[in-house]
């Protein structure tokens, strides 16, 4: 192992903090699935709030 590699690696041989690597295909897909799930969650929350507002308005007008 070269001198520079020894400086940039920890004692256990793994890359030291601060070194970057390109995410693999599985990680990119997982990140995309997470983004999609969060978007669906936000849509659902928006629908719930709209429905709750509608119900509150209906209750106020019927009283």
PDB file of N, CA and C in Angstrom:
ATOM      1  N   UNK A   1       0.859  -1.167   0.000  1.00  0.00           N
ATOM      2  CA  UNK A   1       0.000   0.000   0.000  1.00  0.00           C
ATOM      3  C   UNK A   1       0.906   1.230   0.000  1.00  0.00           C
ATOM      4  N   UNK A   2       0.587   2.180  -0.871  1.00  0.00           N
ATOM      5  CA  UNK A   2       1.407   3.376  -0.992  1.00  0.00           C
ATOM      6  C   UNK A   2       1.266   4.289   0.215  1.00  0.00           C
ATOM      7  N   UNK A   3       2.192   5.206   0.325  1.00  0.00           N
ATOM      8  CA  UNK A   3       2.218   6.129   1.459  1.00  0.00           C
ATOM      9  C   UNK A   3       0.936   6.955   1.540  1.00  0.00           C
ATOM     10  N   UNK A   4       0.476   7.501   0.423  1.00  0.00           N
ATOM     11  CA  UNK A   4      -0.724   8.333   0.436  1.00  0.00           C
ATOM     12  C   UNK A   4      -1.946   7.526   0.834  1.00  0.00           C
ATOM     13  N   UNK A   5      -2.058   6.287   0.335  1.00  0.00           N
ATOM     14  CA  UNK A   5      -3.202   5.444   0.696  1.00  0.00           C
ATOM     15  C   UNK A   5      -3.204   5.154   2.186  1.00  0.00           C
ATOM     16  N   UNK A   6      -2.023   4.953   2.761  1.00  0.00           N
ATOM     17  CA  UNK A   6      -1.958   4.699   4.195  1.00  0.00           C
ATOM     18  C   UNK A   6      -2.430   5.914   4.986  1.00  0.00           C
ATOM     19  N   UNK A   7      -2.181   7.114   4.481  1.00  0.00           N
ATOM     20  CA  UNK A   7      -2.615   8.328   5.172  1.00  0.00           C
ATOM     21  C   UNK A   7      -4.123   8.507   5.102  1.00  0.00           C
ATOM     22  N   UNK A   8      -4.740   8.081   4.016  1.00  0.00           N
ATOM     23  CA  UNK A   8      -6.172   8.325   3.830  1.00  0.00           C
ATOM     24  C   UNK A   8      -7.033   7.183   4.338  1.00  0.00           C
ATOM     25  N   UNK A   9      -6.449   6.165   4.887  1.00  0.00           N
ATOM     26  CA  UNK A   9      -7.225   5.033   5.399  1.00  0.00           C
ATOM     27  C   UNK A   9      -7.081   4.941   6.911  1.00  0.00           C
ATOM     28  N   UNK A  10      -8.140   4.467   7.549  1.00  0.00           N
ATOM     29  CA  UNK A  10      -8.102   4.286   8.993  1.00  0.00           C
ATOM     30  C   UNK A  10      -7.328   3.036   9.364  1.00  0.00           C
ATOM     31  N   UNK A  11      -7.290   2.751  10.633  1.00  0.00           N
ATOM     32  CA  UNK A  11      -6.549   1.576  11.110  1.00  0.00           C
ATOM     33  C   UNK A  11      -7.128   0.275  10.584  1.00  0.00           C
ATOM     34  N   UNK A  12      -8.446   0.234  10.394  1.00  0.00           N
ATOM     35  CA  UNK A  12      -9.064  -1.017   9.954  1.00  0.00           C
ATOM     36  C   UNK A  12      -9.035  -1.176   8.431  1.00  0.00           C
ATOM     37  N   UNK A  13      -8.403  -0.251   7.713  1.00  0.00           N
ATOM     38  CA  UNK A  13      -8.258  -0.385   6.274  1.00  0.00           C
ATOM     39  C   UNK A  13      -9.367   0.244   5.460  1.00  0.00           C
ATOM     40  N   UNK A  14     -10.424   0.703   6.138  1.00  0.00           N
ATOM     41  CA  UNK A  14     -11.506   1.359   5.403  1.00  0.00           C
ATOM     42  C   UNK A  14     -11.134   2.796   5.094  1.00  0.00           C
ATOM     43  N   UNK A  15     -11.804   3.352   4.111  1.00  0.00           N
ATOM     44  CA  UNK A  15     -11.526   4.739   3.735  1.00  0.00           C
ATOM     45  C   UNK A  15     -11.833   5.662   4.905  1.00  0.00           C
ATOM     46  N   UNK A  16     -11.000   6.644   5.088  1.00  0.00           N
ATOM     47  CA  UNK A  16     -11.186   7.604   6.172  1.00  0.00           C
ATOM     48  C   UNK A  16     -12.365   8.511   5.862  1.00  0.00           C
ATOM     49  N   UNK A  17     -12.894   9.144   6.889  1.00  0.00           N
ATOM     50  CA  UNK A  17     -14.006  10.084   6.699  1.00  0.00           C
ATOM     51  C   UNK A  17     -13.551  11.205   5.783  1.00  0.00           C
ATOM     52  N   UNK A  18     -14.484  11.656   4.959  1.00  0.00           N
ATOM     53  CA  UNK A  18     -14.143  12.732   4.055  1.00  0.00           C
ATOM     54  C   UNK A  18     -13.843  12.253   2.645  1.00  0.00           C
ATOM     55  N   UNK A  19     -13.597  10.972   2.481  1.00  0.00           N
ATOM     56  CA  UNK A  19     -13.393  10.461   1.128  1.00  0.00           C
ATOM     57  C   UNK A  19     -14.752  10.140   0.547  1.00  0.00           C
ATOM     58  N   UNK A  20     -14.931  10.380  -0.729  1.00  0.00           N
ATOM     59  CA  UNK A  20     -16.230  10.192  -1.361  1.00  0.00           C
ATOM     60  C   UNK A  20     -16.164   9.072  -2.373  1.00  0.00           C
ATOM     61  N   UNK A  21     -17.278   8.412  -2.518  1.00  0.00           N
ATOM     62  CA  UNK A  21     -17.373   7.392  -3.544  1.00  0.00           C
ATOM     63  C   UNK A  21     -18.715   7.546  -4.230  1.00  0.00           C
ATOM     64  N   UNK A  22     -18.800   7.049  -5.411  1.00  0.00           N
ATOM     65  CA  UNK A  22     -20.036   7.146  -6.169  1.00  0.00           C
ATOM     66  C   UNK A  22     -21.004   6.085  -5.650  1.00  0.00           C
ATOM     67  N   UNK A  23     -22.268   6.461  -5.365  1.00  0.00           N
ATOM     68  CA  UNK A  23     -23.215   5.471  -4.866  1.00  0.00           C
ATOM     69  C   UNK A  23     -23.495   4.399  -5.926  1.00  0.00           C
ATOM     70  N   UNK A  24     -23.688   3.186  -5.473  1.00  0.00           N
ATOM     71  CA  UNK A  24     -23.968   2.083  -6.379  1.00  0.00           C
ATOM     72  C   UNK A  24     -25.416   2.124  -6.866  1.00  0.00           C
ATOM     73  N   UNK A  25     -25.728   1.238  -7.788  1.00  0.00           N
ATOM     74  CA  UNK A  25     -27.055   1.184  -8.386  1.00  0.00           C
ATOM     75  C   UNK A  25     -28.124   0.916  -7.325  1.00  0.00           C
ATOM     76  N   UNK A  26     -27.859   0.016  -6.403  1.00  0.00           N
ATOM     77  CA  UNK A  26     -28.840  -0.289  -5.345  1.00  0.00           C
ATOM     78  C   UNK A  26     -29.120   0.942  -4.485  1.00  0.00           C
ATOM     79  N   UNK A  27     -28.054   1.667  -4.148  1.00  0.00           N
ATOM     80  CA  UNK A  27     -28.243   2.872  -3.325  1.00  0.00           C
ATOM     81  C   UNK A  27     -29.040   3.931  -4.075  1.00  0.00           C
ATOM     82  N   UNK A  28     -28.743   4.116  -5.359  1.00  0.00           N
ATOM     83  CA  UNK A  28     -29.477   5.106  -6.148  1.00  0.00           C
ATOM     84  C   UNK A  28     -30.947   4.726  -6.257  1.00  0.00           C
ATOM     85  N   UNK A  29     -31.215   3.446  -6.485  1.00  0.00           N
ATOM     86  CA  UNK A  29     -32.611   2.995  -6.563  1.00  0.00           C
ATOM     87  C   UNK A  29     -33.322   3.158  -5.231  1.00  0.00           C
ATOM     88  N   UNK A  30     -32.646   2.834  -4.146  1.00  0.00           N
ATOM     89  CA  UNK A  30     -33.243   2.984  -2.816  1.00  0.00           C
ATOM     90  C   UNK A  30     -33.540   4.450  -2.530  1.00  0.00           C
ATOM     91  N   UNK A  31     -32.623   5.330  -2.913  1.00  0.00           N
ATOM     92  CA  UNK A  31     -32.836   6.762  -2.711  1.00  0.00           C
ATOM     93  C   UNK A  31     -34.030   7.246  -3.519  1.00  0.00           C
ATOM     94  N   UNK A  32     -34.170   6.729  -4.753  1.00  0.00           N
ATOM     95  CA  UNK A  32     -35.303   7.115  -5.596  1.00  0.00           C
ATOM     96  C   UNK A  32     -36.618   6.606  -4.998  1.00  0.00           C
ATOM     97  N   UNK A  33     -36.627   5.370  -4.503  1.00  0.00           N
ATOM     98  CA  UNK A  33     -37.833   4.834  -3.868  1.00  0.00           C
ATOM     99  C   UNK A  33     -38.216   5.658  -2.650  1.00  0.00           C
ATOM    100  N   UNK A  34     -37.222   6.089  -1.890  1.00  0.00           N
ATOM    101  CA  UNK A  34     -37.482   6.922  -0.715  1.00  0.00           C
ATOM    102  C   UNK A  34     -38.102   8.249  -1.130  1.00  0.00           C
ATOM    103  N   UNK A  35     -37.541   8.875  -2.179  1.00  0.00           N
ATOM    104  CA  UNK A  35     -38.109  10.140  -2.673  1.00  0.00           C
ATOM    105  C   UNK A  35     -39.559   9.959  -3.094  1.00  0.00           C
ATOM    106  N   UNK A  36     -39.841   8.880  -3.824  1.00  0.00           N
ATOM    107  CA  UNK A  36     -41.208   8.624  -4.292  1.00  0.00           C
ATOM    108  C   UNK A  36     -42.154   8.383  -3.116  1.00  0.00           C
ATOM    109  N   UNK A  37     -41.705   7.630  -2.126  1.00  0.00           N
ATOM    110  CA  UNK A  37     -42.543   7.355  -0.960  1.00  0.00           C
ATOM    111  C   UNK A  37     -42.825   8.642  -0.188  1.00  0.00           C
ATOM    112  N   UNK A  38     -41.825   9.501  -0.047  1.00  0.00           N
ATOM    113  CA  UNK A  38     -42.034  10.769   0.650  1.00  0.00           C
ATOM    114  C   UNK A  38     -43.007  11.662  -0.113  1.00  0.00           C
ATOM    115  N   UNK A  39     -42.922  11.641  -1.439  1.00  0.00           N
ATOM    116  CA  UNK A  39     -43.849  12.436  -2.248  1.00  0.00           C
ATOM    117  C   UNK A  39     -45.281  11.934  -2.071  1.00  0.00           C
ATOM    118  N   UNK A  40     -45.462  10.605  -2.068  1.00  0.00           N
ATOM    119  CA  UNK A  40     -46.801  10.031  -1.844  1.00  0.00           C
ATOM    120  C   UNK A  40     -47.314  10.385  -0.460  1.00  0.00           C
ATOM    121  N   UNK A  41     -46.433  10.355   0.523  1.00  0.00           N
ATOM    122  CA  UNK A  41     -46.814  10.705   1.889  1.00  0.00           C
ATOM    123  C   UNK A  41     -47.287  12.153   1.972  1.00  0.00           C
ATOM    124  N   UNK A  42     -46.564  13.063   1.325  1.00  0.00           N
ATOM    125  CA  UNK A  42     -46.977  14.463   1.325  1.00  0.00           C
ATOM    126  C   UNK A  42     -48.327  14.647   0.642  1.00  0.00           C
ATOM    127  N   UNK A  43     -48.555  13.930  -0.455  1.00  0.00           N
ATOM    128  CA  UNK A  43     -49.855  13.998  -1.134  1.00  0.00           C
ATOM    129  C   UNK A  43     -50.968  13.519  -0.210  1.00  0.00           C
ATOM    130  N   UNK A  44     -50.716  12.416   0.481  1.00  0.00           N
ATOM    131  CA  UNK A  44     -51.714  11.870   1.398  1.00  0.00           C
ATOM    132  C   UNK A  44     -52.005  12.847   2.529  1.00  0.00           C
ATOM    133  N   UNK A  45     -50.962  13.436   3.098  1.00  0.00           N
ATOM    134  CA  UNK A  45     -51.159  14.397   4.177  1.00  0.00           C
ATOM    135  C   UNK A  45     -51.966  15.601   3.693  1.00  0.00           C
ATOM    136  N   UNK A  46     -51.689  16.051   2.483  1.00  0.00           N
ATOM    137  CA  UNK A  46     -52.436  17.177   1.921  1.00  0.00           C
ATOM    138  C   UNK A  46     -53.905  16.825   1.777  1.00  0.00           C
ATOM    139  N   UNK A  47     -54.191  15.625   1.266  1.00  0.00           N
ATOM    140  CA  UNK A  47     -55.582  15.180   1.128  1.00  0.00           C
ATOM    141  C   UNK A  47     -56.279  15.098   2.478  1.00  0.00           C
ATOM    142  N   UNK A  48     -55.582  14.591   3.472  1.00  0.00           N
ATOM    143  CA  UNK A  48     -56.163  14.469   4.814  1.00  0.00           C
ATOM    144  C   UNK A  48     -56.508  15.855   5.360  1.00  0.00           C
ATOM    145  N   UNK A  49     -55.593  16.815   5.198  1.00  0.00           N
ATOM    146  CA  UNK A  49     -55.850  18.164   5.710  1.00  0.00           C
ATOM    147  C   UNK A  49     -57.006  18.833   4.966  1.00  0.00           C
ATOM    148  N   UNK A  50     -57.067  18.630   3.660  1.00  0.00           N
ATOM    149  CA  UNK A  50     -58.187  19.203   2.893  1.00  0.00           C
ATOM    150  C   UNK A  50     -59.517  18.619   3.354  1.00  0.00           C
ATOM    151  N   UNK A  51     -59.546  17.307   3.540  1.00  0.00           N
ATOM    152  CA  UNK A  51     -60.777  16.647   3.986  1.00  0.00           C
ATOM    153  C   UNK A  51     -61.162  17.118   5.381  1.00  0.00           C
ATOM    154  N   UNK A  52     -60.184  17.262   6.267  1.00  0.00           N
ATOM    155  CA  UNK A  52     -60.466  17.735   7.621  1.00  0.00           C
ATOM    156  C   UNK A  52     -61.024  19.159   7.588  1.00  0.00           C
ATOM    157  N   UNK A  53     -60.444  20.011   6.728  1.00  0.00           N
ATOM    158  CA  UNK A  53     -60.955  21.380   6.594  1.00  0.00           C
ATOM    159  C   UNK A  53     -62.402  21.371   6.082  1.00  0.00           C
ATOM    160  N   UNK A  54     -62.671  20.509   5.110  1.00  0.00           N
ATOM    161  CA  UNK A  54     -64.023  20.415   4.554  1.00  0.00           C
ATOM    162  C   UNK A  54     -65.017  19.963   5.620  1.00  0.00           C
ATOM    163  N   UNK A  55     -64.625  18.976   6.396  1.00  0.00           N
ATOM    164  CA  UNK A  55     -65.516  18.471   7.451  1.00  0.00           C
ATOM    165  C   UNK A  55     -65.755  19.556   8.504  1.00  0.00           C
ATOM    166  N   UNK A  56     -64.699  20.279   8.881  1.00  0.00           N
ATOM    167  CA  UNK A  56     -64.865  21.360   9.859  1.00  0.00           C
ATOM    168  C   UNK A  56     -65.841  22.427   9.332  1.00  0.00           C
ATOM    169  N   UNK A  57     -65.708  22.778   8.063  1.00  0.00           N
ATOM    170  CA  UNK A  57     -66.602  23.766   7.468  1.00  0.00           C
ATOM    171  C   UNK A  57     -68.037  23.238   7.486  1.00  0.00           C
ATOM    172  N   UNK A  58     -68.225  21.959   7.135  1.00  0.00           N
ATOM    173  CA  UNK A  58     -69.571  21.369   7.133  1.00  0.00           C
ATOM    174  C   UNK A  58     -70.183  21.383   8.527  1.00  0.00           C
ATOM    175  N   UNK A  59     -69.369  21.106   9.526  1.00  0.00           N
ATOM    176  CA  UNK A  59     -69.877  21.095  10.911  1.00  0.00           C
ATOM    177  C   UNK A  59     -70.271  22.514  11.324  1.00  0.00           C
ATOM    178  N   UNK A  60     -69.458  23.507  10.959  1.00  0.00           N
ATOM    179  CA  UNK A  60     -69.765  24.897  11.333  1.00  0.00           C
ATOM    180  C   UNK A  60     -71.025  25.407  10.637  1.00  0.00           C
ATOM    181  N   UNK A  61     -71.200  25.060   9.376  1.00  0.00           N
ATOM    182  CA  UNK A  61     -72.382  25.555   8.643  1.00  0.00           C
ATOM    183  C   UNK A  61     -73.645  24.834   9.061  1.00  0.00           C
ATOM    184  N   UNK A  62     -73.534  23.603   9.524  1.00  0.00           N
ATOM    185  CA  UNK A  62     -74.741  22.873   9.938  1.00  0.00           C
ATOM    186  C   UNK A  62     -75.198  23.277  11.334  1.00  0.00           C
ATOM    187  N   UNK A  63     -74.343  23.896  12.124  1.00  0.00           N
ATOM    188  CA  UNK A  63     -74.705  24.294  13.501  1.00  0.00           C
ATOM    189  C   UNK A  63     -75.547  25.530  13.529  1.00  0.00           C
TER     190      UNK A  63
END
